[in-house]
PDB file of N, CA and C in Angstrom:
ATOM      1  N   MET A   1    -150.204  90.306 -49.123  1.00  0.00           N
ATOM      2  CA  MET A   1    -148.829  89.602 -48.998  1.00  0.00           C
ATOM      3  C   MET A   1    -148.795  87.749 -49.691  1.00  0.00           C
ATOM      4  N   THR A   2    -147.887  87.888 -50.381  1.00  0.00           N
ATOM      5  CA  THR A   2    -147.936  86.769 -51.035  1.00  0.00           C
ATOM      6  C   THR A   2    -147.818  85.456 -49.906  1.00  0.00           C
ATOM      7  N   GLN A   3    -148.055  84.289 -50.345  1.00  0.00           N
ATOM      8  CA  GLN A   3    -147.864  83.149 -49.753  1.00  0.00           C
ATOM      9  C   GLN A   3    -146.564  82.495 -49.250  1.00  0.00           C
ATOM     10  N   GLU A   4    -145.463  83.037 -49.917  1.00  0.00           N
ATOM     11  CA  GLU A   4    -144.120  83.046 -49.704  1.00  0.00           C
ATOM     12  C   GLU A   4    -143.488  84.126 -48.718  1.00  0.00           C
ATOM     13  N   GLU A   5    -144.555  85.043 -49.025  1.00  0.00           N
ATOM     14  CA  GLU A   5    -144.131  85.966 -47.821  1.00  0.00           C
ATOM     15  C   GLU A   5    -144.588  85.417 -46.304  1.00  0.00           C
ATOM     16  N   GLN A   6    -145.716  85.024 -46.201  1.00  0.00           N
ATOM     17  CA  GLN A   6    -146.569  84.622 -45.410  1.00  0.00           C
ATOM     18  C   GLN A   6    -145.735  83.361 -44.411  1.00  0.00           C
ATOM     19  N   ILE A   7    -145.258  82.258 -45.435  1.00  0.00           N
ATOM     20  CA  ILE A   7    -144.432  81.248 -45.050  1.00  0.00           C
ATOM     21  C   ILE A   7    -143.538  81.553 -44.611  1.00  0.00           C
ATOM     22  N   ILE A   8    -142.291  82.622 -44.967  1.00  0.00           N
ATOM     23  CA  ILE A   8    -141.526  83.282 -43.903  1.00  0.00           C
ATOM     24  C   ILE A   8    -141.731  84.185 -42.800  1.00  0.00           C
ATOM     25  N   GLU A   9    -142.635  84.318 -42.579  1.00  0.00           N
ATOM     26  CA  GLU A   9    -143.212  84.967 -41.509  1.00  0.00           C
ATOM     27  C   GLU A   9    -143.500  84.135 -40.827  1.00  0.00           C
ATOM     28  N   CYS A  10    -144.139  82.565 -40.933  1.00  0.00           N
ATOM     29  CA  CYS A  10    -144.406  81.880 -39.888  1.00  0.00           C
ATOM     30  C   CYS A  10    -142.871  81.299 -39.800  1.00  0.00           C
ATOM     31  N   GLU A  11    -141.885  81.221 -40.208  1.00  0.00           N
ATOM     32  CA  GLU A  11    -140.731  80.665 -40.399  1.00  0.00           C
ATOM     33  C   GLU A  11    -140.133  81.255 -39.436  1.00  0.00           C
ATOM     34  N   ASN A  12    -140.112  82.476 -39.289  1.00  0.00           N
ATOM     35  CA  ASN A  12    -139.651  83.368 -38.439  1.00  0.00           C
ATOM     36  C   ASN A  12    -139.955  83.285 -36.869  1.00  0.00           C
ATOM     37  N   ARG A  13    -141.455  83.239 -36.501  1.00  0.00           N
ATOM     38  CA  ARG A  13    -142.446  83.220 -35.726  1.00  0.00           C
ATOM     39  C   ARG A  13    -141.405  81.546 -35.116  1.00  0.00           C
ATOM     40  N   LEU A  14    -141.311  80.249 -35.889  1.00  0.00           N
ATOM     41  CA  LEU A  14    -141.079  79.355 -35.562  1.00  0.00           C
ATOM     42  C   LEU A  14    -139.803  79.274 -34.746  1.00  0.00           C
ATOM     43  N   LEU A  15    -139.010  80.115 -35.444  1.00  0.00           N
ATOM     44  CA  LEU A  15    -137.457  80.096 -34.759  1.00  0.00           C
ATOM     45  C   LEU A  15    -137.473  80.956 -33.529  1.00  0.00           C
ATOM     46  N   GLU A  16    -138.219  81.731 -33.489  1.00  0.00           N
ATOM     47  CA  GLU A  16    -138.186  82.632 -32.360  1.00  0.00           C
ATOM     48  C   GLU A  16    -139.122  82.020 -30.953  1.00  0.00           C
ATOM     49  N   ALA A  17    -139.968  81.722 -31.491  1.00  0.00           N
ATOM     50  CA  ALA A  17    -140.717  80.402 -30.664  1.00  0.00           C
ATOM     51  C   ALA A  17    -139.726  79.393 -30.005  1.00  0.00           C
ATOM     52  N   ILE A  18    -139.153  78.511 -31.272  1.00  0.00           N
ATOM     53  CA  ILE A  18    -138.233  77.533 -30.508  1.00  0.00           C
ATOM     54  C   ILE A  18    -137.166  78.188 -29.664  1.00  0.00           C
ATOM     55  N   LYS A  19    -136.523  79.301 -29.874  1.00  0.00           N
ATOM     56  CA  LYS A  19    -135.642  79.938 -29.264  1.00  0.00           C
ATOM     57  C   LYS A  19    -135.802  80.242 -28.016  1.00  0.00           C
ATOM     58  N   SER A  20    -136.938  80.906 -27.810  1.00  0.00           N
ATOM     59  CA  SER A  20    -137.517  81.403 -26.614  1.00  0.00           C
ATOM     60  C   SER A  20    -138.380  80.266 -25.403  1.00  0.00           C
ATOM     61  N   GLY A  21    -139.021  79.128 -26.524  1.00  0.00           N
ATOM     62  CA  GLY A  21    -139.736  77.890 -25.769  1.00  0.00           C
ATOM     63  C   GLY A  21    -140.629  78.471 -25.384  1.00  0.00           C
ATOM     64  N   ASP A  22    -141.585  79.642 -26.163  1.00  0.00           N
ATOM     65  CA  ASP A  22    -143.017  79.911 -26.022  1.00  0.00           C
ATOM     66  C   ASP A  22    -143.781  78.790 -26.409  1.00  0.00           C
ATOM     67  N   ILE A  23    -144.187  78.261 -25.677  1.00  0.00           N
ATOM     68  CA  ILE A  23    -145.251  77.487 -26.006  1.00  0.00           C
ATOM     69  C   ILE A  23    -146.533  77.690 -26.505  1.00  0.00           C
ATOM     70  N   ASN A  24    -147.116  78.769 -26.412  1.00  0.00           N
ATOM     71  CA  ASN A  24    -148.039  79.337 -26.950  1.00  0.00           C
ATOM     72  C   ASN A  24    -147.912  79.505 -28.346  1.00  0.00           C
ATOM     73  N   VAL A  25    -146.898  79.798 -29.143  1.00  0.00           N
ATOM     74  CA  VAL A  25    -146.705  80.224 -30.343  1.00  0.00           C
ATOM     75  C   VAL A  25    -146.215  78.663 -30.934  1.00  0.00           C
ATOM     76  N   LEU A  26    -145.860  77.995 -30.233  1.00  0.00           N
ATOM     77  CA  LEU A  26    -145.796  76.576 -30.788  1.00  0.00           C
ATOM     78  C   LEU A  26    -146.661  75.850 -31.155  1.00  0.00           C
ATOM     79  N   ASP A  27    -148.052  75.739 -30.294  1.00  0.00           N
ATOM     80  CA  ASP A  27    -148.778  75.322 -30.254  1.00  0.00           C
ATOM     81  C   ASP A  27    -149.843  75.615 -31.353  1.00  0.00           C
ATOM     82  N   GLU A  28    -149.790  77.106 -31.665  1.00  0.00           N
ATOM     83  CA  GLU A  28    -150.385  77.871 -33.013  1.00  0.00           C
ATOM     84  C   GLU A  28    -149.954  77.196 -34.126  1.00  0.00           C
ATOM     85  N   LEU A  29    -148.700  76.950 -33.937  1.00  0.00           N
ATOM     86  CA  LEU A  29    -147.901  77.176 -35.655  1.00  0.00           C
ATOM     87  C   LEU A  29    -147.762  75.608 -35.530  1.00  0.00           C
ATOM     88  N   LEU A  30    -147.942  74.240 -34.749  1.00  0.00           N
ATOM     89  CA  LEU A  30    -148.280  72.914 -35.172  1.00  0.00           C
ATOM     90  C   LEU A  30    -149.334  72.285 -35.210  1.00  0.00           C
ATOM     91  N   HIS A  31    -149.741  71.521 -36.233  1.00  0.00           N
ATOM     92  CA  HIS A  31    -150.987  71.031 -35.868  1.00  0.00           C
ATOM     93  C   HIS A  31    -150.994  69.846 -35.146  1.00  0.00           C
ATOM     94  N   ASP A  32    -152.236  69.419 -34.797  1.00  0.00           N
ATOM     95  CA  ASP A  32    -152.614  68.637 -33.940  1.00  0.00           C
ATOM     96  C   ASP A  32    -151.867  67.085 -33.997  1.00  0.00           C
ATOM     97  N   ASN A  33    -151.965  67.050 -35.380  1.00  0.00           N
ATOM     98  CA  ASN A  33    -151.461  65.639 -36.046  1.00  0.00           C
ATOM     99  C   ASN A  33    -150.121  65.461 -36.542  1.00  0.00           C
ATOM    100  N   LEU A  34    -149.558  66.498 -36.197  1.00  0.00           N
ATOM    101  CA  LEU A  34    -148.258  66.632 -36.447  1.00  0.00           C
ATOM    102  C   LEU A  34    -147.244  65.236 -36.605  1.00  0.00           C
ATOM    103  N   ILE A  35    -146.166  65.185 -37.443  1.00  0.00           N
ATOM    104  CA  ILE A  35    -145.437  63.642 -37.237  1.00  0.00           C
ATOM    105  C   ILE A  35    -144.146  64.629 -37.722  1.00  0.00           C
ATOM    106  N   PHE A  36    -143.222  64.160 -36.989  1.00  0.00           N
ATOM    107  CA  PHE A  36    -141.694  65.129 -37.502  1.00  0.00           C
ATOM    108  C   PHE A  36    -140.558  63.790 -36.724  1.00  0.00           C
ATOM    109  N   ASN A  37    -139.566  63.614 -37.769  1.00  0.00           N
ATOM    110  CA  ASN A  37    -138.570  62.497 -37.347  1.00  0.00           C
ATOM    111  C   ASN A  37    -137.290  63.777 -37.048  1.00  0.00           C
ATOM    112  N   ILE A  38    -137.064  63.507 -36.308  1.00  0.00           N
ATOM    113  CA  ILE A  38    -135.895  64.507 -35.459  1.00  0.00           C
ATOM    114  C   ILE A  38    -134.473  63.861 -35.707  1.00  0.00           C
ATOM    115  N   PRO A  39    -133.716  64.533 -35.542  1.00  0.00           N
ATOM    116  CA  PRO A  39    -132.254  64.345 -35.898  1.00  0.00           C
ATOM    117  C   PRO A  39    -131.756  62.793 -35.133  1.00  0.00           C
ATOM    118  N   THR A  40    -132.139  62.555 -34.250  1.00  0.00           N
ATOM    119  CA  THR A  40    -132.290  60.837 -33.728  1.00  0.00           C
ATOM    120  C   THR A  40    -132.324  59.974 -33.964  1.00  0.00           C
ATOM    121  N   GLY A  41    -133.520  60.345 -35.181  1.00  0.00           N
ATOM    122  CA  GLY A  41    -134.267  59.297 -35.837  1.00  0.00           C
ATOM    123  C   GLY A  41    -135.840  58.740 -35.096  1.00  0.00           C
ATOM    124  N   GLN A  42    -136.266  59.604 -33.869  1.00  0.00           N
ATOM    125  CA  GLN A  42    -137.168  59.374 -33.235  1.00  0.00           C
ATOM    126  C   GLN A  42    -138.263  60.239 -33.630  1.00  0.00           C
ATOM    127  N   THR A  43    -139.628  59.681 -34.004  1.00  0.00           N
ATOM    128  CA  THR A  43    -140.585  60.040 -34.728  1.00  0.00           C
ATOM    129  C   THR A  43    -141.632  60.832 -33.639  1.00  0.00           C
ATOM    130  N   ILE A  44    -141.685  62.064 -33.373  1.00  0.00           N
ATOM    131  CA  ILE A  44    -142.588  62.747 -32.624  1.00  0.00           C
ATOM    132  C   ILE A  44    -143.685  63.243 -32.921  1.00  0.00           C
ATOM    133  N   THR A  45    -144.884  63.661 -31.965  1.00  0.00           N
ATOM    134  CA  THR A  45    -145.767  64.378 -32.082  1.00  0.00           C
ATOM    135  C   THR A  45    -145.436  65.185 -31.629  1.00  0.00           C
ATOM    136  N   LYS A  46    -146.809  66.534 -31.975  1.00  0.00           N
ATOM    137  CA  LYS A  46    -147.111  67.860 -31.438  1.00  0.00           C
ATOM    138  C   LYS A  46    -146.963  67.920 -29.979  1.00  0.00           C
ATOM    139  N   THR A  47    -147.561  66.891 -29.027  1.00  0.00           N
ATOM    140  CA  THR A  47    -147.546  66.821 -27.706  1.00  0.00           C
ATOM    141  C   THR A  47    -146.133  66.384 -27.432  1.00  0.00           C
ATOM    142  N   MET A  48    -145.424  65.428 -28.182  1.00  0.00           N
ATOM    143  CA  MET A  48    -144.316  65.262 -27.619  1.00  0.00           C
ATOM    144  C   MET A  48    -143.329  66.739 -27.840  1.00  0.00           C
ATOM    145  N   ASP A  49    -143.344  67.133 -28.735  1.00  0.00           N
ATOM    146  CA  ASP A  49    -142.534  68.107 -29.063  1.00  0.00           C
ATOM    147  C   ASP A  49    -142.781  69.490 -27.866  1.00  0.00           C
ATOM    148  N   ILE A  50    -143.768  69.701 -27.549  1.00  0.00           N
ATOM    149  CA  ILE A  50    -144.335  70.760 -26.853  1.00  0.00           C
ATOM    150  C   ILE A  50    -143.585  70.342 -25.398  1.00  0.00           C
ATOM    151  N   GLU A  51    -143.729  69.206 -25.015  1.00  0.00           N
ATOM    152  CA  GLU A  51    -143.281  68.547 -23.607  1.00  0.00           C
ATOM    153  C   GLU A  51    -142.030  68.728 -23.284  1.00  0.00           C
ATOM    154  N   ASN A  52    -141.429  68.808 -24.629  1.00  0.00           N
ATOM    155  CA  ASN A  52    -139.752  68.468 -24.514  1.00  0.00           C
ATOM    156  C   ASN A  52    -139.333  70.013 -23.973  1.00  0.00           C
ATOM    157  N   TYR A  53    -140.372  71.124 -24.634  1.00  0.00           N
ATOM    158  CA  TYR A  53    -139.794  72.422 -24.311  1.00  0.00           C
ATOM    159  C   TYR A  53    -140.145  72.805 -22.891  1.00  0.00           C
ATOM    160  N   ARG A  54    -141.426  72.517 -22.853  1.00  0.00           N
ATOM    161  CA  ARG A  54    -142.350  72.661 -21.328  1.00  0.00           C
ATOM    162  C   ARG A  54    -141.122  72.392 -20.125  1.00  0.00           C
ATOM    163  N   SER A  55    -140.791  70.969 -20.271  1.00  0.00           N
ATOM    164  CA  SER A  55    -140.405  70.135 -19.216  1.00  0.00           C
ATOM    165  C   SER A  55    -138.891  70.691 -19.317  1.00  0.00           C
ATOM    166  N   GLY A  56    -138.141  71.328 -20.001  1.00  0.00           N
ATOM    167  CA  GLY A  56    -136.912  71.667 -20.217  1.00  0.00           C
ATOM    168  C   GLY A  56    -135.487  70.836 -20.904  1.00  0.00           C
ATOM    169  N   VAL A  57    -136.322  69.925 -21.668  1.00  0.00           N
ATOM    170  CA  VAL A  57    -135.631  68.672 -22.183  1.00  0.00           C
ATOM    171  C   VAL A  57    -134.541  69.275 -23.175  1.00  0.00           C
ATOM    172  N   MET A  58    -135.590  70.304 -23.881  1.00  0.00           N
ATOM    173  CA  MET A  58    -135.176  70.623 -25.015  1.00  0.00           C
ATOM    174  C   MET A  58    -134.832  72.517 -24.935  1.00  0.00           C
ATOM    175  N   THR A  59    -133.180  73.091 -24.504  1.00  0.00           N
ATOM    176  CA  THR A  59    -133.083  74.226 -24.612  1.00  0.00           C
ATOM    177  C   THR A  59    -132.462  74.897 -25.701  1.00  0.00           C
ATOM    178  N   VAL A  60    -132.800  75.712 -26.274  1.00  0.00           N
ATOM    179  CA  VAL A  60    -132.016  76.222 -27.542  1.00  0.00           C
ATOM    180  C   VAL A  60    -131.222  77.655 -26.688  1.00  0.00           C
ATOM    181  N   TYR A  61    -130.077  77.734 -27.153  1.00  0.00           N
ATOM    182  CA  TYR A  61    -129.651  78.714 -26.839  1.00  0.00           C
ATOM    183  C   TYR A  61    -129.149  79.733 -28.147  1.00  0.00           C
ATOM    184  N   ASP A  62    -129.247  79.357 -29.128  1.00  0.00           N
ATOM    185  CA  ASP A  62    -129.093  79.934 -30.395  1.00  0.00           C
ATOM    186  C   ASP A  62    -129.483  79.226 -31.469  1.00  0.00           C
ATOM    187  N   ILE A  63    -129.888  79.870 -32.557  1.00  0.00           N
ATOM    188  CA  ILE A  63    -130.656  79.192 -33.980  1.00  0.00           C
ATOM    189  C   ILE A  63    -130.671  80.219 -35.042  1.00  0.00           C
ATOM    190  N   SER A  64    -130.373  80.048 -35.927  1.00  0.00           N
ATOM    191  CA  SER A  64    -130.089  80.762 -37.315  1.00  0.00           C
ATOM    192  C   SER A  64    -130.366  79.680 -38.447  1.00  0.00           C
ATOM    193  N   THR A  65    -130.748  80.559 -39.336  1.00  0.00           N
ATOM    194  CA  THR A  65    -130.931  79.596 -40.640  1.00  0.00           C
ATOM    195  C   THR A  65    -130.215  80.018 -41.840  1.00  0.00           C
ATOM    196  N   THR A  66    -129.930  79.490 -42.615  1.00  0.00           N
ATOM    197  CA  THR A  66    -129.332  79.813 -44.361  1.00  0.00           C
ATOM    198  C   THR A  66    -130.282  78.926 -45.211  1.00  0.00           C
ATOM    199  N   ASP A  67    -129.974  79.277 -46.424  1.00  0.00           N
ATOM    200  CA  ASP A  67    -130.137  78.132 -47.711  1.00  0.00           C
ATOM    201  C   ASP A  67    -131.656  77.959 -47.651  1.00  0.00           C
ATOM    202  N   ARG A  68    -132.079  78.971 -47.172  1.00  0.00           N
ATOM    203  CA  ARG A  68    -133.996  78.423 -47.597  1.00  0.00           C
ATOM    204  C   ARG A  68    -134.373  78.380 -48.744  1.00  0.00           C
ATOM    205  N   ILE A  69    -135.243  77.234 -48.972  1.00  0.00           N
ATOM    206  CA  ILE A  69    -136.010  76.845 -50.291  1.00  0.00           C
ATOM    207  C   ILE A  69    -136.939  76.739 -50.038  1.00  0.00           C
ATOM    208  N   ILE A  70    -138.223  77.035 -50.433  1.00  0.00           N
ATOM    209  CA  ILE A  70    -139.637  77.408 -50.423  1.00  0.00           C
ATOM    210  C   ILE A  70    -140.558  77.005 -51.574  1.00  0.00           C
ATOM    211  N   LEU A  71    -141.440  75.792 -51.782  1.00  0.00           N
ATOM    212  CA  LEU A  71    -141.750  75.102 -53.113  1.00  0.00           C
ATOM    213  C   LEU A  71    -143.162  75.256 -52.495  1.00  0.00           C
ATOM    214  N   ILE A  72    -144.094  75.910 -53.686  1.00  0.00           N
ATOM    215  CA  ILE A  72    -145.420  75.813 -53.081  1.00  0.00           C
ATOM    216  C   ILE A  72    -146.193  75.216 -54.002  1.00  0.00           C
ATOM    217  N   ILE A  73    -147.122  74.182 -53.170  1.00  0.00           N
ATOM    218  CA  ILE A  73    -148.058  73.618 -54.186  1.00  0.00           C
ATOM    219  C   ILE A  73    -149.804  73.953 -53.973  1.00  0.00           C
ATOM    220  N   ASP A  74    -150.316  74.796 -54.288  1.00  0.00           N
ATOM    221  CA  ASP A  74    -151.625  75.144 -53.691  1.00  0.00           C
ATOM    222  C   ASP A  74    -151.703  75.642 -52.142  1.00  0.00           C
ATOM    223  N   ASN A  75    -152.418  74.999 -51.814  1.00  0.00           N
ATOM    224  CA  ASN A  75    -152.452  75.580 -50.232  1.00  0.00           C
ATOM    225  C   ASN A  75    -151.253  74.636 -49.427  1.00  0.00           C
ATOM    226  N   ILE A  76    -150.155  74.328 -49.707  1.00  0.00           N
ATOM    227  CA  ILE A  76    -149.132  73.495 -49.078  1.00  0.00           C
ATOM    228  C   ILE A  76    -147.809  74.068 -49.697  1.00  0.00           C
ATOM    229  N   SER A  77    -147.286  74.483 -48.692  1.00  0.00           N
ATOM    230  CA  SER A  77    -145.634  75.273 -48.701  1.00  0.00           C
ATOM    231  C   SER A  77    -144.926  74.176 -48.072  1.00  0.00           C
ATOM    232  N   THR A  78    -143.431  73.747 -48.762  1.00  0.00           N
ATOM    233  CA  THR A  78    -142.694  72.953 -48.010  1.00  0.00           C
ATOM    234  C   THR A  78    -141.511  73.636 -48.074  1.00  0.00           C
ATOM    235  N   VAL A  79    -140.929  73.671 -46.941  1.00  0.00           N
ATOM    236  CA  VAL A  79    -139.459  75.045 -46.657  1.00  0.00           C
ATOM    237  C   VAL A  79    -138.178  73.597 -46.570  1.00  0.00           C
ATOM    238  N   ALA A  80    -137.532  73.991 -47.174  1.00  0.00           N
ATOM    239  CA  ALA A  80    -136.318  73.213 -47.022  1.00  0.00           C
ATOM    240  C   ALA A  80    -134.894  74.491 -46.384  1.00  0.00           C
ATOM    241  N   VAL A  81    -134.329  73.864 -45.428  1.00  0.00           N
ATOM    242  CA  VAL A  81    -133.582  75.100 -44.616  1.00  0.00           C
ATOM    243  C   VAL A  81    -132.483  74.285 -43.839  1.00  0.00           C
ATOM    244  N   THR A  82    -131.114  75.130 -43.782  1.00  0.00           N
ATOM    245  CA  THR A  82    -130.299  74.653 -43.188  1.00  0.00           C
ATOM    246  C   THR A  82    -130.419  75.678 -41.894  1.00  0.00           C
ATOM    247  N   VAL A  83    -130.424  74.793 -40.555  1.00  0.00           N
ATOM    248  CA  VAL A  83    -130.491  75.411 -39.478  1.00  0.00           C
ATOM    249  C   VAL A  83    -129.182  75.275 -38.152  1.00  0.00           C
ATOM    250  N   HIS A  84    -128.600  76.444 -38.022  1.00  0.00           N
ATOM    251  CA  HIS A  84    -127.252  76.215 -36.993  1.00  0.00           C
ATOM    252  C   HIS A  84    -127.906  76.501 -35.899  1.00  0.00           C
ATOM    253  N   LEU A  85    -127.417  74.992 -35.104  1.00  0.00           N
ATOM    254  CA  LEU A  85    -128.551  75.479 -33.592  1.00  0.00           C
ATOM    255  C   LEU A  85    -127.160  75.016 -32.576  1.00  0.00           C
ATOM    256  N   LYS A  86    -127.084  75.721 -31.166  1.00  0.00           N
ATOM    257  CA  LYS A  86    -126.694  75.443 -30.268  1.00  0.00           C
ATOM    258  C   LYS A  86    -127.886  75.225 -29.432  1.00  0.00           C
ATOM    259  N   ALA A  87    -127.968  73.956 -28.647  1.00  0.00           N
ATOM    260  CA  ALA A  87    -129.155  73.574 -27.895  1.00  0.00           C
ATOM    261  C   ALA A  87    -128.511  72.270 -27.018  1.00  0.00           C
ATOM    262  N   LYS A  88    -129.105  72.117 -26.049  1.00  0.00           N
ATOM    263  CA  LYS A  88    -129.349  71.216 -25.139  1.00  0.00           C
ATOM    264  C   LYS A  88    -130.570  70.256 -25.181  1.00  0.00           C
ATOM    265  N   TYR A  89    -130.299  69.151 -25.658  1.00  0.00           N
ATOM    266  CA  TYR A  89    -131.467  67.997 -25.697  1.00  0.00           C
ATOM    267  C   TYR A  89    -130.869  66.917 -24.687  1.00  0.00           C
ATOM    268  N   ALA A  90    -131.946  66.704 -23.388  1.00  0.00           N
ATOM    269  CA  ALA A  90    -132.044  66.033 -22.387  1.00  0.00           C
ATOM    270  C   ALA A  90    -130.372  66.561 -22.408  1.00  0.00           C
ATOM    271  N   ASP A  91    -129.625  65.323 -21.722  1.00  0.00           N
ATOM    272  CA  ASP A  91    -128.176  65.799 -21.111  1.00  0.00           C
ATOM    273  C   ASP A  91    -127.032  66.212 -22.065  1.00  0.00           C
ATOM    274  N   GLN A  92    -127.564  66.220 -23.416  1.00  0.00           N
ATOM    275  CA  GLN A  92    -126.692  65.872 -24.887  1.00  0.00           C
ATOM    276  C   GLN A  92    -126.610  67.555 -25.425  1.00  0.00           C
ATOM    277  N   ILE A  93    -125.093  68.195 -25.424  1.00  0.00           N
ATOM    278  CA  ILE A  93    -124.870  69.189 -26.239  1.00  0.00           C
ATOM    279  C   ILE A  93    -125.061  69.318 -27.436  1.00  0.00           C
ATOM    280  N   ILE A  94    -125.727  69.842 -28.069  1.00  0.00           N
ATOM    281  CA  ILE A  94    -126.240  70.082 -29.182  1.00  0.00           C
ATOM    282  C   ILE A  94    -125.353  71.451 -30.080  1.00  0.00           C
ATOM    283  N   ASP A  95    -124.277  71.342 -31.271  1.00  0.00           N
ATOM    284  CA  ASP A  95    -123.833  72.283 -31.943  1.00  0.00           C
ATOM    285  C   ASP A  95    -123.360  72.318 -33.229  1.00  0.00           C
ATOM    286  N   GLY A  96    -124.515  72.487 -34.014  1.00  0.00           N
ATOM    287  CA  GLY A  96    -123.829  72.000 -35.596  1.00  0.00           C
ATOM    288  C   GLY A  96    -124.761  72.097 -36.737  1.00  0.00           C
ATOM    289  N   LYS A  97    -124.803  72.049 -37.842  1.00  0.00           N
ATOM    290  CA  LYS A  97    -125.613  72.375 -38.766  1.00  0.00           C
ATOM    291  C   LYS A  97    -126.597  70.903 -39.088  1.00  0.00           C
ATOM    292  N   PHE A  98    -127.814  71.304 -39.307  1.00  0.00           N
ATOM    293  CA  PHE A  98    -128.959  70.460 -39.784  1.00  0.00           C
ATOM    294  C   PHE A  98    -129.990  71.027 -41.266  1.00  0.00           C
ATOM    295  N   ARG A  99    -130.065  70.058 -42.042  1.00  0.00           N
ATOM    296  CA  ARG A  99    -130.747  71.058 -42.437  1.00  0.00           C
ATOM    297  C   ARG A  99    -132.645  70.165 -42.458  1.00  0.00           C
ATOM    298  N   TYR A 100    -133.316  71.140 -42.550  1.00  0.00           N
ATOM    299  CA  TYR A 100    -134.647  70.264 -42.018  1.00  0.00           C
ATOM    300  C   TYR A 100    -135.417  70.755 -43.014  1.00  0.00           C
ATOM    301  N   LEU A 101    -136.502  69.794 -43.084  1.00  0.00           N
ATOM    302  CA  LEU A 101    -137.747  69.764 -44.068  1.00  0.00           C
ATOM    303  C   LEU A 101    -139.157  70.080 -43.448  1.00  0.00           C
ATOM    304  N   ARG A 102    -139.874  70.771 -43.614  1.00  0.00           N
ATOM    305  CA  ARG A 102    -141.099  71.338 -43.227  1.00  0.00           C
ATOM    306  C   ARG A 102    -142.236  71.294 -44.032  1.00  0.00           C
ATOM    307  N   VAL A 103    -143.146  70.928 -43.482  1.00  0.00           N
ATOM    308  CA  VAL A 103    -144.272  71.104 -44.786  1.00  0.00           C
ATOM    309  C   VAL A 103    -145.516  71.752 -43.837  1.00  0.00           C
ATOM    310  N   TRP A 104    -145.974  73.068 -44.396  1.00  0.00           N
ATOM    311  CA  TRP A 104    -146.965  73.800 -44.163  1.00  0.00           C
ATOM    312  C   TRP A 104    -148.098  73.694 -45.056  1.00  0.00           C
ATOM    313  N   LYS A 105    -149.375  73.417 -44.179  1.00  0.00           N
ATOM    314  CA  LYS A 105    -150.845  73.486 -45.197  1.00  0.00           C
ATOM    315  C   LYS A 105    -151.440  74.551 -44.493  1.00  0.00           C
ATOM    316  N   LEU A 106    -152.478  75.418 -45.097  1.00  0.00           N
ATOM    317  CA  LEU A 106    -153.238  76.446 -44.645  1.00  0.00           C
ATOM    318  C   LEU A 106    -154.563  75.352 -44.106  1.00  0.00           C
ATOM    319  N   PHE A 107    -155.062  75.929 -42.814  1.00  0.00           N
ATOM    320  CA  PHE A 107    -155.892  75.446 -42.084  1.00  0.00           C
ATOM    321  C   PHE A 107    -156.909  76.861 -41.541  1.00  0.00           C
ATOM    322  N   ASP A 108    -158.063  77.071 -41.916  1.00  0.00           N
ATOM    323  CA  ASP A 108    -159.007  77.922 -41.574  1.00  0.00           C
ATOM    324  C   ASP A 108    -158.258  79.077 -41.375  1.00  0.00           C
ATOM    325  N   ARG A 109    -157.405  79.588 -42.281  1.00  0.00           N
ATOM    326  CA  ARG A 109    -156.515  80.652 -42.395  1.00  0.00           C
ATOM    327  C   ARG A 109    -155.407  80.733 -41.714  1.00  0.00           C
ATOM    328  N   SER A 110    -155.115  79.731 -41.228  1.00  0.00           N
ATOM    329  CA  SER A 110    -154.009  79.843 -40.227  1.00  0.00           C
ATOM    330  C   SER A 110    -152.679  78.655 -41.259  1.00  0.00           C
ATOM    331  N   TRP A 111    -151.406  78.802 -40.979  1.00  0.00           N
ATOM    332  CA  TRP A 111    -150.712  78.175 -41.554  1.00  0.00           C
ATOM    333  C   TRP A 111    -150.126  77.055 -40.356  1.00  0.00           C
ATOM    334  N   LYS A 112    -149.787  75.698 -40.883  1.00  0.00           N
ATOM    335  CA  LYS A 112    -149.630  74.892 -39.708  1.00  0.00           C
ATOM    336  C   LYS A 112    -148.870  73.987 -39.998  1.00  0.00           C
ATOM    337  N   ILE A 113    -147.354  73.501 -39.033  1.00  0.00           N
ATOM    338  CA  ILE A 113    -146.778  72.548 -39.718  1.00  0.00           C
ATOM    339  C   ILE A 113    -147.213  70.943 -39.614  1.00  0.00           C
ATOM    340  N   PHE A 114    -147.502  70.438 -40.172  1.00  0.00           N
ATOM    341  CA  PHE A 114    -148.114  68.990 -40.267  1.00  0.00           C
ATOM    342  C   PHE A 114    -146.796  67.541 -40.209  1.00  0.00           C
ATOM    343  N   ALA A 115    -145.829  67.956 -41.131  1.00  0.00           N
ATOM    344  CA  ALA A 115    -144.865  67.144 -41.048  1.00  0.00           C
ATOM    345  C   ALA A 115    -143.571  67.463 -41.596  1.00  0.00           C
ATOM    346  N   GLY A 116    -142.711  66.974 -41.193  1.00  0.00           N
ATOM    347  CA  GLY A 116    -141.429  67.565 -41.050  1.00  0.00           C
ATOM    348  C   GLY A 116    -140.072  66.451 -40.669  1.00  0.00           C
ATOM    349  N   SER A 117    -139.141  66.693 -41.246  1.00  0.00           N
ATOM    350  CA  SER A 117    -137.782  66.188 -40.543  1.00  0.00           C
ATOM    351  C   SER A 117    -136.607  66.664 -40.576  1.00  0.00           C
ATOM    352  N   GLY A 118    -135.324  66.257 -39.620  1.00  0.00           N
ATOM    353  CA  GLY A 118    -134.153  67.432 -39.671  1.00  0.00           C
ATOM    354  C   GLY A 118    -133.269  65.904 -39.594  1.00  0.00           C
ATOM    355  N   PHE A 119    -131.955  66.417 -40.062  1.00  0.00           N
ATOM    356  CA  PHE A 119    -130.940  65.501 -40.090  1.00  0.00           C
ATOM    357  C   PHE A 119    -129.589  66.462 -40.110  1.00  0.00           C
ATOM    358  N   GLN A 120    -128.547  65.685 -39.237  1.00  0.00           N
ATOM    359  CA  GLN A 120    -127.194  66.532 -38.906  1.00  0.00           C
ATOM    360  C   GLN A 120    -126.277  66.791 -40.614  1.00  0.00           C
ATOM    361  N   ILE A 121    -125.866  67.672 -40.864  1.00  0.00           N
ATOM    362  CA  ILE A 121    -125.009  67.877 -42.060  1.00  0.00           C
ATOM    363  C   ILE A 121    -123.533  68.132 -41.323  1.00  0.00           C
TER     364      ILE A 121
END
């Protein structure tokens, strides 16, 4: 499997984990030192992100992607993607398109996201 195919597989696993709230898969795919800027402008960590799903603060009803671009440099892959999201964050209903940037790195034969950001478009 090529590196791009591996990243596409990881991206698909990530989307499914986000939709189903699968904490175990999120824990596997997010690096412990993750730093991520969410569309509200807040910077969150892996612990904060997983807790949002565990506690029910973040509930995803539907998620899909388009316009994915993958750039590979050595063992780092950067993904820019448009995400169509229907969800609830705290008491706010989310229904829109977002542009996300995720940076994946190979750590001991496992791809993990260690940085990223997202904003509404």
